[in-house]
Protein backbone atom coordinates (compact mmCIF):
# COMPACT_ATOMS: atom_id res chain seq x y z
CA UNK A 1 58.20 97.28 99.78
CA UNK A 2 59.69 99.27 96.92
CA UNK A 3 62.77 98.12 94.97
CA UNK A 4 64.68 101.07 96.49
CA UNK A 5 63.84 99.85 100.02
CA UNK A 6 64.96 96.31 99.18
CA UNK A 7 68.28 97.59 97.83
CA UNK A 8 68.79 99.72 100.96
CA UNK A 9 68.03 96.91 103.39
CA UNK A 10 69.80 94.09 101.58
CA UNK A 11 73.17 93.21 103.13
CA UNK A 12 76.12 93.58 100.78
CA UNK A 13 76.78 90.35 98.92
CA UNK A 14 80.11 88.64 99.43
CA UNK A 15 82.10 88.84 96.19
CA UNK A 16 82.42 85.39 94.58
CA UNK A 17 85.79 83.69 94.87
CA UNK A 18 87.51 82.48 91.68
CA UNK A 19 87.26 78.76 90.93
CA UNK A 20 90.10 76.48 91.93
CA UNK A 21 92.89 76.45 89.36
CA UNK A 22 92.24 79.99 88.16
CA UNK A 23 94.91 82.61 87.49
CA UNK A 24 94.47 83.74 91.13
CA UNK A 25 96.17 80.52 92.25
CA UNK A 26 99.11 81.24 89.95
CA UNK A 27 99.54 84.68 91.55
CA UNK A 28 99.36 83.26 95.08
CA UNK A 29 102.01 80.67 94.20
CA UNK A 30 104.29 83.27 92.58
CA UNK A 31 103.80 85.81 95.41
CA UNK A 32 103.39 83.82 98.65
CA UNK A 33 104.16 86.76 100.95
CA UNK A 34 101.82 89.29 99.32
CA UNK A 35 98.31 89.89 100.60
CA UNK A 36 95.67 89.99 97.89
CA UNK A 37 91.93 89.57 97.71
CA UNK A 38 90.83 87.43 94.76
CA UNK A 39 87.37 87.99 93.25
CA UNK A 40 85.76 86.35 90.25
CA UNK A 41 84.63 89.16 87.96
CA UNK A 42 82.27 88.89 85.01
CA UNK A 43 85.07 88.46 82.48
CA UNK A 44 88.20 87.68 84.47
CA UNK A 45 89.74 87.33 87.91
CA UNK A 46 90.14 90.56 89.91
CA UNK A 47 93.00 90.90 92.41
CA UNK A 48 92.82 93.70 94.98
CA UNK A 49 96.28 94.56 96.32
CA UNK A 50 97.97 97.16 98.51
CA UNK A 51 99.53 100.03 96.56
CA UNK A 52 102.87 99.41 98.30
CA UNK A 53 102.95 95.98 96.61
CA UNK A 54 101.77 97.20 93.21
CA UNK A 55 105.09 97.31 91.36
CA UNK A 56 106.24 93.98 92.80
CA UNK A 57 102.96 92.25 91.86
CA UNK A 58 102.92 93.74 88.38
CA UNK A 59 106.58 92.91 87.77
CA UNK A 60 105.91 89.27 88.64
CA UNK A 61 102.78 89.37 86.44
CA UNK A 62 104.98 90.51 83.56
CA UNK A 63 108.07 88.35 84.10
CA UNK A 64 106.96 85.11 85.77
CA UNK A 65 106.74 82.37 83.12
CA UNK A 66 103.52 80.90 84.48
CA UNK A 67 101.81 84.33 84.31
CA UNK A 68 103.56 86.08 81.37
CA UNK A 69 101.20 89.07 81.14
CA UNK A 70 102.94 90.67 78.19
CA UNK A 71 100.10 93.03 77.23
CA UNK A 72 98.82 95.95 79.31
CA UNK A 73 95.34 96.32 77.81
CA UNK A 74 94.41 99.34 79.90
CA UNK A 75 95.36 101.34 82.97
CA UNK A 76 92.89 103.78 84.46
CA UNK A 77 91.71 105.43 87.65
CA UNK A 78 88.42 105.24 89.53
CA UNK A 79 87.09 107.78 92.04
CA UNK A 80 85.18 106.25 94.97
CA UNK A 81 84.76 109.68 96.60
CA UNK A 82 84.98 109.22 100.42
CA UNK A 83 86.66 105.82 99.92
CA UNK A 84 89.50 107.30 97.90
CA UNK A 85 90.84 106.49 94.46
CA UNK A 86 91.88 103.29 92.76
CA UNK A 87 94.28 102.43 89.95
CA UNK A 88 93.08 99.56 87.77
CA UNK A 89 95.32 97.48 85.49
CA UNK A 90 93.82 95.17 82.83
CA UNK A 91 96.36 92.59 81.69
CA UNK A 92 96.39 89.89 79.01
CA UNK A 93 98.85 87.10 78.29
CA UNK A 94 99.31 86.21 74.63
CA UNK A 95 101.41 83.25 75.74
CA UNK A 96 98.82 81.61 78.02
CA UNK A 97 95.64 83.31 76.73
CA UNK A 98 94.49 84.38 80.18
CA UNK A 99 93.45 87.72 81.66
CA UNK A 100 93.49 89.45 85.02
CA UNK A 101 92.38 92.77 86.49
CA UNK A 102 94.55 94.19 89.28
CA UNK A 103 93.21 96.97 91.51
CA UNK A 104 95.17 99.08 94.01
CA UNK A 105 93.59 101.62 96.39
CA UNK A 106 95.17 105.08 96.50
CA UNK A 107 94.23 107.80 99.02
CA UNK A 108 92.79 111.03 97.63
CA UNK A 109 95.32 113.09 99.57
CA UNK A 110 98.85 112.14 98.56
CA UNK A 111 97.58 110.13 95.60
CA UNK A 112 100.61 108.31 94.28
CA UNK A 113 101.69 104.84 93.25
CA UNK A 114 104.78 103.36 91.59
CA UNK A 115 104.97 103.66 87.81
CA UNK A 116 104.97 100.50 85.68
CA UNK A 117 106.30 102.27 82.58
CA UNK A 118 109.46 100.19 83.03
CA UNK A 119 107.39 97.02 82.55
CA UNK A 120 105.08 97.98 79.67
CA UNK A 121 105.81 100.82 77.25
CA UNK A 122 102.07 101.50 76.91
CA UNK A 123 101.97 102.50 80.59
CA UNK A 124 103.82 105.71 79.71
CA UNK A 125 100.77 107.33 78.08
CA UNK A 126 98.21 105.53 80.26
CA UNK A 127 99.82 106.92 83.42
CA UNK A 128 100.08 110.42 81.99
CA UNK A 129 96.37 110.34 81.12
CA UNK A 130 95.51 109.03 84.59
CA UNK A 131 97.59 111.80 86.15
CA UNK A 132 95.72 114.43 84.10
CA UNK A 133 92.24 113.06 84.74
CA UNK A 134 92.50 111.82 88.36
CA UNK A 135 95.54 113.57 89.85
CA UNK A 136 97.33 110.31 90.64
CA UNK A 137 101.13 110.67 90.51
CA UNK A 138 103.15 107.72 89.27
CA UNK A 139 106.50 107.77 91.04
CA UNK A 140 109.41 106.75 88.86
CA UNK A 141 107.64 107.65 85.61
CA UNK A 142 110.26 108.89 83.13
CA UNK A 143 108.30 111.90 81.85
CA UNK A 144 105.05 112.60 83.70
CA UNK A 145 104.11 115.71 81.71
CA UNK A 146 100.51 116.59 80.75
CA UNK A 147 99.07 114.51 77.92
CA UNK A 148 95.48 115.78 77.59
CA UNK A 149 95.32 119.04 79.55
CA UNK A 150 96.96 122.39 78.87
CA UNK A 151 99.48 123.59 81.43
CA UNK A 152 97.00 126.10 82.91
CA UNK A 153 94.43 123.37 83.76
CA UNK A 154 96.54 121.21 86.06
CA UNK A 155 94.93 122.39 89.30
CA UNK A 156 91.84 120.16 89.00
CA UNK A 157 91.17 116.67 87.71
CA UNK A 158 88.22 116.32 85.30
CA UNK A 159 87.29 112.69 86.09
CA UNK A 160 87.15 113.11 89.85
CA UNK A 161 83.55 113.18 91.01
CA UNK A 162 83.92 116.41 92.96
CA UNK A 163 84.72 118.43 89.82
CA UNK A 164 81.74 120.56 88.73
CA UNK A 165 80.99 120.13 85.03
CA UNK A 166 79.44 123.52 84.22
CA UNK A 167 82.72 125.53 84.43
CA UNK A 168 84.40 122.96 82.16
CA UNK A 169 81.55 123.19 79.66
CA UNK A 170 81.77 126.98 79.76
CA UNK A 171 85.54 126.83 79.17
CA UNK A 172 85.02 124.42 76.25
CA UNK A 173 82.36 126.70 74.80
CA UNK A 174 84.67 129.70 74.99
CA UNK A 175 87.35 127.74 73.15
CA UNK A 176 84.92 126.59 70.44
CA UNK A 177 83.26 129.99 70.00
CA UNK A 178 80.80 129.99 67.11
CA UNK A 179 81.47 126.29 66.49
CA UNK A 180 79.91 125.27 69.82
CA UNK A 181 76.75 124.12 68.01
CA UNK A 182 78.78 121.42 66.27
CA UNK A 183 80.26 120.10 69.53
CA UNK A 184 77.52 117.52 70.14
CA UNK A 185 75.21 117.43 73.13
CA UNK A 186 75.58 120.48 75.41
CA UNK A 187 73.72 119.80 78.69
CA UNK A 188 71.47 122.32 80.41
CA UNK A 189 73.22 124.70 82.79
CA UNK A 190 76.26 125.21 80.59
CA UNK A 191 75.15 128.72 79.60
CA UNK A 192 75.02 127.97 75.88
CA UNK A 193 71.84 127.83 73.78
CA UNK A 194 72.45 125.28 71.05
CA UNK A 195 70.18 125.12 68.01
CA UNK A 196 69.38 121.69 66.60
CA UNK A 197 71.02 121.02 63.25
CA UNK A 198 69.04 120.53 60.06
CA UNK A 199 69.35 116.77 60.52
CA UNK A 200 67.67 117.05 63.95
CA UNK A 201 70.77 116.15 65.94
C-alpha cells in the first residue's frame, strides 16, 4: 500500500484537547454561555468560535483580567475553498505571558464579521489587508479603504484559492515593464521570458 493510499484511507484524527488548566479553561469560565471548540495546537491553544460571537469573545479576551490579551500579534484570513473562509486572530498577553489563537468561520458569500479595531489599534491595518486579500468585510471598521490594492483591482481577492495567478503576473509585468527581470522568480505561464542575472539568480 502506497503512502497516498494510507493517507486516503486513514480516518481523520480527533484534534487533541488542551490540558487541564490551560487558557481554554479561562475562556470557558469567562464566557460560560458561548460555544467554542478548544484544540491544543503546536504552539498554543486554538479556540474555534461562531462568527456571531467573535466580537464578544475578543472583547473579553482583551478586557478580562484573567485573560488580558493586550497584544494582537496577527489577524489574517484563510480560504478553505468549498468549506468557506476563516478569520484567524493570534493574541498574546504581556501581563500573563500566555497565547491563544482564535478562529471564526465566515461564508464565502456574504463574507463579513465584526471589526475589532475598537479593541486593538493594530486591527485597523490587519483588517484592511484581509479585506483586500480575501474579500472579508469587517463591519464597524472606522475606515475600511484599500490598503494594498489600487481602486481598480477591488473586484477579486488575490489570496483566495480560486484566483488565477497568470493574469496577476501579467498585470505585474506590465507595471514593471523593462524591470521585470529584477522582480525575482517569474513562474512559467506568465508570458514573460526572464533572463538569469549575472549572479545566476
